[in-house]
Amino acid sequence: MKDTLERWLGTLFGLIFVALSLVVAVETALRKLFNISLQGADELGGYALAVGATIAFSLALLGRNHIRVDVFHERLPKAVQVLLNWLSALSMAGFAALLAYLAWFVIQDSRSYQSVSQTPWATPLVYPQTAWLLGLGTFGLLAVGIAAYATYLLVTGRTDALNRMLHPRSTREELKEELDDLQHRSNAADVSGTPAAPSTQTAGAA
């Protein structure tokens, strides 16, 4: 479930910025060749950044990539580690829920004042802000769900499972992920028949 959700969110994130890059490319070509402009590339870039950031929040949450100050974490007793990990989940849930709550009122203000963007398109802001709210809402639901499950693990005494789920990522874990990704790409290259890059020693001997 987690891997599937990460894949879908990652795909959506990529599609947003691929689409933006195409718009920028068309805008650049039109300006260069025909001296005309779509007059909206900058506006779309701002919307893509806002929505993409909310998707990145969720991806970072699922991958435990949000920064935590863990200088002393490993040296603390296991019970204290469990408590801190649980509190980190609760704090993230509260923060994510607050963001979504405030975003809702931003949209209500935009609807009440019929706010539009200060660009030639004059886009009603309620539309991009709704996409922004959906991203924040997804982040909030994930954070609250993780916090609730962490609380369940704590109450039922499954502290090892709680630590595995919420423990700060170590350097060893990050290195293992990089090596696994390298191995996966190497296997994919072997299957497709793409020749491997020559090693440094071979290149030097040549």
C-alpha atoms as a PDB file:
ATOM      1  CA  MET A   1       0.000   0.000   0.000  1.00  0.00           C
ATOM      2  CA  LYS A   2       2.746   2.437   1.000  1.00  0.00           C
ATOM      3  CA  ASP A   3       4.837   1.677  -2.097  1.00  0.00           C
ATOM      4  CA  THR A   4       1.807   2.050  -4.361  1.00  0.00           C
ATOM      5  CA  LEU A   5       0.895   5.404  -2.842  1.00  0.00           C
ATOM      6  CA  GLU A   6       4.474   6.635  -3.150  1.00  0.00           C
ATOM      7  CA  ARG A   7       4.556   5.548  -6.786  1.00  0.00           C
ATOM      8  CA  TRP A   8       1.306   7.352  -7.618  1.00  0.00           C
ATOM      9  CA  LEU A   9       2.329  10.525  -5.809  1.00  0.00           C
ATOM     10  CA  GLY A  10       5.763  10.447  -7.405  1.00  0.00           C
ATOM     11  CA  THR A  11       4.229   9.974 -10.847  1.00  0.00           C
ATOM     12  CA  LEU A  12       1.837  12.886 -10.298  1.00  0.00           C
ATOM     13  CA  PHE A  13       4.709  15.063  -9.092  1.00  0.00           C
ATOM     14  CA  GLY A  14       6.729  14.205 -12.192  1.00  0.00           C
ATOM     15  CA  LEU A  15       3.843  14.795 -14.596  1.00  0.00           C
ATOM     16  CA  ILE A  16       3.205  18.258 -13.159  1.00  0.00           C
ATOM     17  CA  PHE A  17       6.748  19.391 -13.821  1.00  0.00           C
ATOM     18  CA  VAL A  18       7.033  17.641 -17.179  1.00  0.00           C
ATOM     19  CA  ALA A  19       3.915  19.545 -18.264  1.00  0.00           C
ATOM     20  CA  LEU A  20       5.406  22.773 -16.921  1.00  0.00           C
ATOM     21  CA  SER A  21       8.658  22.166 -18.801  1.00  0.00           C
ATOM     22  CA  LEU A  22       6.701  21.684 -22.043  1.00  0.00           C
ATOM     23  CA  VAL A  23       4.855  24.958 -21.498  1.00  0.00           C
ATOM     24  CA  VAL A  24       8.128  26.768 -20.833  1.00  0.00           C
ATOM     25  CA  ALA A  25       9.680  25.220 -23.950  1.00  0.00           C
ATOM     26  CA  VAL A  26       6.738  26.337 -26.117  1.00  0.00           C
ATOM     27  CA  GLU A  27       6.846  29.790 -24.539  1.00  0.00           C
ATOM     28  CA  THR A  28      10.578  30.098 -25.264  1.00  0.00           C
ATOM     29  CA  ALA A  29      10.179  28.934 -28.868  1.00  0.00           C
ATOM     30  CA  LEU A  30       7.285  31.322 -29.537  1.00  0.00           C
ATOM     31  CA  ARG A  31       9.198  34.270 -28.137  1.00  0.00           C
ATOM     32  CA  LYS A  32      12.318  33.429 -30.110  1.00  0.00           C
ATOM     33  CA  LEU A  33      10.703  32.595 -33.444  1.00  0.00           C
ATOM     34  CA  PHE A  34       7.542  34.682 -33.568  1.00  0.00           C
ATOM     35  CA  ASN A  35       8.048  37.326 -30.864  1.00  0.00           C
ATOM     36  CA  ILE A  36       4.802  36.350 -29.138  1.00  0.00           C
ATOM     37  CA  SER A  37       4.110  35.046 -25.642  1.00  0.00           C
ATOM     38  CA  LEU A  38       1.566  32.830 -23.927  1.00  0.00           C
ATOM     39  CA  GLN A  39       1.819  35.268 -20.993  1.00  0.00           C
ATOM     40  CA  GLY A  40       1.163  32.524 -18.479  1.00  0.00           C
ATOM     41  CA  ALA A  41       4.283  30.411 -18.052  1.00  0.00           C
ATOM     42  CA  ASP A  42       5.326  32.245 -14.885  1.00  0.00           C
ATOM     43  CA  GLU A  43       1.826  31.919 -13.458  1.00  0.00           C
ATOM     44  CA  LEU A  44       1.699  28.183 -14.166  1.00  0.00           C
ATOM     45  CA  GLY A  45       5.165  27.827 -12.655  1.00  0.00           C
ATOM     46  CA  GLY A  46       3.932  29.293  -9.393  1.00  0.00           C
ATOM     47  CA  TYR A  47       0.950  26.959  -9.298  1.00  0.00           C
ATOM     48  CA  ALA A  48       3.148  23.945 -10.117  1.00  0.00           C
ATOM     49  CA  LEU A  49       5.559  24.863  -7.330  1.00  0.00           C
ATOM     50  CA  ALA A  50       2.754  25.269  -4.787  1.00  0.00           C
ATOM     51  CA  VAL A  51       0.994  22.001  -5.655  1.00  0.00           C
ATOM     52  CA  GLY A  52       4.241  20.097  -6.191  1.00  0.00           C
ATOM     53  CA  ALA A  53       5.466  21.155  -2.758  1.00  0.00           C
ATOM     54  CA  THR A  54       2.404  19.656  -1.081  1.00  0.00           C
ATOM     55  CA  ILE A  55       2.974  16.363  -2.924  1.00  0.00           C
ATOM     56  CA  ALA A  56       6.608  16.454  -1.842  1.00  0.00           C
ATOM     57  CA  PHE A  57       5.452  16.845   1.773  1.00  0.00           C
ATOM     58  CA  SER A  58       3.570  13.546   1.518  1.00  0.00           C
ATOM     59  CA  LEU A  59       6.429  11.763  -0.248  1.00  0.00           C
ATOM     60  CA  ALA A  60       8.897  12.931   2.384  1.00  0.00           C
ATOM     61  CA  LEU A  61       6.530  11.789   5.132  1.00  0.00           C
ATOM     62  CA  LEU A  62       6.119   8.308   3.649  1.00  0.00           C
ATOM     63  CA  GLY A  63       9.846   7.959   3.058  1.00  0.00           C
ATOM     64  CA  ARG A  64      10.840   9.355   6.472  1.00  0.00           C
ATOM     65  CA  ASN A  65      12.806  12.098   4.726  1.00  0.00           C
ATOM     66  CA  HIS A  66      11.705  15.032   6.843  1.00  0.00           C
ATOM     67  CA  ILE A  67      14.686  16.380   8.762  1.00  0.00           C
ATOM     68  CA  ARG A  68      14.959  15.469  12.429  1.00  0.00           C
ATOM     69  CA  VAL A  69      17.737  16.503  14.782  1.00  0.00           C
ATOM     70  CA  ASP A  70      18.922  13.081  15.933  1.00  0.00           C
ATOM     71  CA  VAL A  71      22.418  13.777  17.283  1.00  0.00           C
ATOM     72  CA  PHE A  72      21.573  12.212  20.656  1.00  0.00           C
ATOM     73  CA  HIS A  73      18.678  10.013  19.555  1.00  0.00           C
ATOM     74  CA  GLU A  74      20.720   6.829  19.193  1.00  0.00           C
ATOM     75  CA  ARG A  75      22.324   7.317  22.616  1.00  0.00           C
ATOM     76  CA  LEU A  76      19.044   7.616  24.486  1.00  0.00           C
ATOM     77  CA  PRO A  77      17.305   4.676  26.214  1.00  0.00           C
ATOM     78  CA  LYS A  78      14.910   2.731  24.031  1.00  0.00           C
ATOM     79  CA  ALA A  79      11.865   3.910  25.993  1.00  0.00           C
ATOM     80  CA  VAL A  80      12.837   7.546  25.421  1.00  0.00           C
ATOM     81  CA  GLN A  81      13.400   6.855  21.705  1.00  0.00           C
ATOM     82  CA  VAL A  82       9.922   5.375  21.453  1.00  0.00           C
ATOM     83  CA  LEU A  83       8.406   8.396  23.179  1.00  0.00           C
ATOM     84  CA  LEU A  84      10.259  10.855  20.938  1.00  0.00           C
ATOM     85  CA  ASN A  85       9.294   8.958  17.787  1.00  0.00           C
ATOM     86  CA  TRP A  86       5.663   8.940  18.863  1.00  0.00           C
ATOM     87  CA  LEU A  87       5.770  12.659  19.697  1.00  0.00           C
ATOM     88  CA  SER A  88       7.327  13.385  16.307  1.00  0.00           C
ATOM     89  CA  ALA A  89       4.363  11.671  14.613  1.00  0.00           C
ATOM     90  CA  LEU A  90       1.875  13.635  16.718  1.00  0.00           C
ATOM     91  CA  SER A  91       3.680  16.910  16.012  1.00  0.00           C
ATOM     92  CA  MET A  92       3.707  16.271  12.278  1.00  0.00           C
ATOM     93  CA  ALA A  93       0.013  15.378  12.325  1.00  0.00           C
ATOM     94  CA  GLY A  94      -0.852  18.569  14.187  1.00  0.00           C
ATOM     95  CA  PHE A  95       1.243  20.683  11.830  1.00  0.00           C
ATOM     96  CA  ALA A  96      -0.233  19.068   8.695  1.00  0.00           C
ATOM     97  CA  ALA A  97      -3.786  19.415   9.970  1.00  0.00           C
ATOM     98  CA  LEU A  98      -3.153  23.083  10.794  1.00  0.00           C
ATOM     99  CA  LEU A  99      -1.870  23.755   7.271  1.00  0.00           C
ATOM    100  CA  ALA A 100      -4.942  22.188   5.693  1.00  0.00           C
ATOM    101  CA  TYR A 101      -7.236  24.055   8.110  1.00  0.00           C
ATOM    102  CA  LEU A 102      -5.682  27.437   7.291  1.00  0.00           C
ATOM    103  CA  ALA A 103      -5.660  26.675   3.553  1.00  0.00           C
ATOM    104  CA  TRP A 104      -9.416  26.120   3.731  1.00  0.00           C
ATOM    105  CA  PHE A 105      -9.937  29.661   5.050  1.00  0.00           C
ATOM    106  CA  VAL A 106      -7.637  31.067   2.353  1.00  0.00           C
ATOM    107  CA  ILE A 107      -9.904  29.518  -0.279  1.00  0.00           C
ATOM    108  CA  GLN A 108     -13.011  30.874   1.450  1.00  0.00           C
ATOM    109  CA  ASP A 109     -11.525  34.372   1.345  1.00  0.00           C
ATOM    110  CA  SER A 110     -10.650  33.984  -2.345  1.00  0.00           C
ATOM    111  CA  ARG A 111     -14.203  32.875  -3.076  1.00  0.00           C
ATOM    112  CA  SER A 112     -15.753  35.699  -1.051  1.00  0.00           C
ATOM    113  CA  TYR A 113     -13.639  38.413  -2.680  1.00  0.00           C
ATOM    114  CA  GLN A 114     -13.639  36.692  -6.095  1.00  0.00           C
ATOM    115  CA  SER A 115      -9.864  37.035  -6.168  1.00  0.00           C
ATOM    116  CA  VAL A 116      -8.027  36.583  -9.459  1.00  0.00           C
ATOM    117  CA  SER A 117      -4.351  36.378 -10.333  1.00  0.00           C
ATOM    118  CA  GLN A 118      -2.542  39.602 -11.220  1.00  0.00           C
ATOM    119  CA  THR A 119      -1.628  38.330 -14.691  1.00  0.00           C
ATOM    120  CA  PRO A 120      -3.132  38.708 -18.188  1.00  0.00           C
ATOM    121  CA  TRP A 121      -4.995  35.427 -17.633  1.00  0.00           C
ATOM    122  CA  ALA A 122      -6.747  36.770 -14.494  1.00  0.00           C
ATOM    123  CA  THR A 123      -7.212  33.205 -13.274  1.00  0.00           C
ATOM    124  CA  PRO A 124      -9.743  32.857 -10.421  1.00  0.00           C
ATOM    125  CA  LEU A 125      -7.487  31.888  -7.532  1.00  0.00           C
ATOM    126  CA  VAL A 126     -10.000  29.476  -6.096  1.00  0.00           C
ATOM    127  CA  TYR A 127      -9.083  26.917  -8.792  1.00  0.00           C
ATOM    128  CA  PRO A 128      -5.324  26.586  -8.195  1.00  0.00           C
ATOM    129  CA  GLN A 129      -5.869  27.021  -4.475  1.00  0.00           C
ATOM    130  CA  THR A 130      -8.264  24.066  -4.488  1.00  0.00           C
ATOM    131  CA  ALA A 131      -5.544  21.880  -5.999  1.00  0.00           C
ATOM    132  CA  TRP A 132      -3.188  23.230  -3.339  1.00  0.00           C
ATOM    133  CA  LEU A 133      -5.716  22.364  -0.629  1.00  0.00           C
ATOM    134  CA  LEU A 134      -6.096  18.824  -1.993  1.00  0.00           C
ATOM    135  CA  GLY A 135      -2.351  18.360  -1.721  1.00  0.00           C
ATOM    136  CA  LEU A 136      -2.298  19.683   1.826  1.00  0.00           C
ATOM    137  CA  GLY A 137      -5.341  17.575   2.685  1.00  0.00           C
ATOM    138  CA  THR A 138      -3.590  14.446   1.449  1.00  0.00           C
ATOM    139  CA  PHE A 139      -0.553  15.333   3.525  1.00  0.00           C
ATOM    140  CA  GLY A 140      -2.780  15.930   6.552  1.00  0.00           C
ATOM    141  CA  LEU A 141      -4.656  12.641   6.182  1.00  0.00           C
ATOM    142  CA  LEU A 142      -1.413  10.691   5.855  1.00  0.00           C
ATOM    143  CA  ALA A 143       0.143  12.424   8.857  1.00  0.00           C
ATOM    144  CA  VAL A 144      -2.931  11.891  11.041  1.00  0.00           C
ATOM    145  CA  GLY A 145      -3.177   8.260   9.906  1.00  0.00           C
ATOM    146  CA  ILE A 146       0.461   7.606  10.766  1.00  0.00           C
ATOM    147  CA  ALA A 147       0.062   9.299  14.143  1.00  0.00           C
ATOM    148  CA  ALA A 148      -3.058   7.249  14.903  1.00  0.00           C
ATOM    149  CA  TYR A 149      -1.327   4.003  13.962  1.00  0.00           C
ATOM    150  CA  ALA A 150       1.716   4.972  16.023  1.00  0.00           C
ATOM    151  CA  THR A 151      -0.573   5.596  18.995  1.00  0.00           C
ATOM    152  CA  TYR A 152      -2.142   2.179  18.477  1.00  0.00           C
ATOM    153  CA  LEU A 153       1.296   0.546  18.443  1.00  0.00           C
ATOM    154  CA  LEU A 154       2.273   2.409  21.598  1.00  0.00           C
ATOM    155  CA  VAL A 155      -0.889   1.480  23.478  1.00  0.00           C
ATOM    156  CA  THR A 156      -0.603  -2.191  22.480  1.00  0.00           C
ATOM    157  CA  GLY A 157       3.046  -2.327  23.525  1.00  0.00           C
ATOM    158  CA  ARG A 158       4.454  -2.908  20.021  1.00  0.00           C
ATOM    159  CA  THR A 159       7.267  -0.465  20.538  1.00  0.00           C
ATOM    160  CA  ASP A 160       9.693  -2.242  18.206  1.00  0.00           C
ATOM    161  CA  ALA A 161       7.243  -1.845  15.322  1.00  0.00           C
ATOM    162  CA  LEU A 162       6.714   1.804  16.258  1.00  0.00           C
ATOM    163  CA  ASN A 163      10.455   2.440  16.229  1.00  0.00           C
ATOM    164  CA  ARG A 164      10.888   0.716  12.879  1.00  0.00           C
ATOM    165  CA  MET A 165       8.130   2.851  11.387  1.00  0.00           C
ATOM    166  CA  LEU A 166       9.193   6.222  12.798  1.00  0.00           C
ATOM    167  CA  HIS A 167      12.875   5.951  13.621  1.00  0.00           C
ATOM    168  CA  PRO A 168      15.003   8.677  11.959  1.00  0.00           C
ATOM    169  CA  ARG A 169      16.725   7.423   8.828  1.00  0.00           C
ATOM    170  CA  SER A 170      20.319   6.508   9.522  1.00  0.00           C
ATOM    171  CA  THR A 171      23.272   6.955   7.187  1.00  0.00           C
ATOM    172  CA  ARG A 172      23.417   3.190   6.822  1.00  0.00           C
ATOM    173  CA  GLU A 173      19.798   3.059   5.656  1.00  0.00           C
ATOM    174  CA  GLU A 174      20.382   5.822   3.117  1.00  0.00           C
ATOM    175  CA  LEU A 175      23.496   4.073   1.806  1.00  0.00           C
ATOM    176  CA  LYS A 176      21.609   0.776   1.504  1.00  0.00           C
ATOM    177  CA  GLU A 177      18.829   2.464  -0.478  1.00  0.00           C
ATOM    178  CA  GLU A 178      21.355   4.026  -2.846  1.00  0.00           C
ATOM    179  CA  LEU A 179      23.100   0.687  -3.368  1.00  0.00           C
ATOM    180  CA  ASP A 180      19.780  -1.089  -3.933  1.00  0.00           C
ATOM    181  CA  ASP A 181      18.778   1.559  -6.475  1.00  0.00           C
ATOM    182  CA  LEU A 182      22.133   1.215  -8.231  1.00  0.00           C
ATOM    183  CA  GLN A 183      21.712  -2.566  -8.358  1.00  0.00           C
ATOM    184  CA  HIS A 184      18.178  -2.186  -9.726  1.00  0.00           C
ATOM    185  CA  ARG A 185      19.354   0.152 -12.487  1.00  0.00           C
ATOM    186  CA  SER A 186      22.259  -2.155 -13.305  1.00  0.00           C
ATOM    187  CA  ASN A 187      19.881  -5.113 -13.648  1.00  0.00           C
ATOM    188  CA  ALA A 188      17.565  -3.038 -15.849  1.00  0.00           C
ATOM    189  CA  ALA A 189      20.513  -2.092 -18.067  1.00  0.00           C
ATOM    190  CA  ASP A 190      21.537  -5.753 -18.378  1.00  0.00           C
ATOM    191  CA  VAL A 191      18.020  -6.765 -19.399  1.00  0.00           C
ATOM    192  CA  SER A 192      17.758  -4.015 -22.025  1.00  0.00           C
ATOM    193  CA  GLY A 193      21.180  -4.886 -23.425  1.00  0.00           C
ATOM    194  CA  THR A 194      22.660  -1.470 -22.702  1.00  0.00           C
ATOM    195  CA  PRO A 195      26.430  -1.819 -22.351  1.00  0.00           C
ATOM    196  CA  ALA A 196      27.839  -0.966 -18.971  1.00  0.00           C
ATOM    197  CA  ALA A 197      30.086   2.065 -18.677  1.00  0.00           C
ATOM    198  CA  PRO A 198      33.799   1.214 -18.698  1.00  0.00           C
ATOM    199  CA  SER A 199      35.535   1.203 -15.364  1.00  0.00           C
ATOM    200  CA  THR A 200      38.184   3.759 -14.480  1.00  0.00           C
ATOM    201  CA  GLN A 201      40.955   1.211 -14.670  1.00  0.00           C
ATOM    202  CA  THR A 202      39.896   0.038 -18.152  1.00  0.00           C
ATOM    203  CA  ALA A 203      39.631   3.589 -19.422  1.00  0.00           C
ATOM    204  CA  GLY A 204      43.055   4.403 -18.047  1.00  0.00           C
ATOM    205  CA  ALA A 205      44.615   1.344 -19.653  1.00  0.00           C
ATOM    206  CA  ALA A 206      43.137   2.274 -23.019  1.00  0.00           C
END
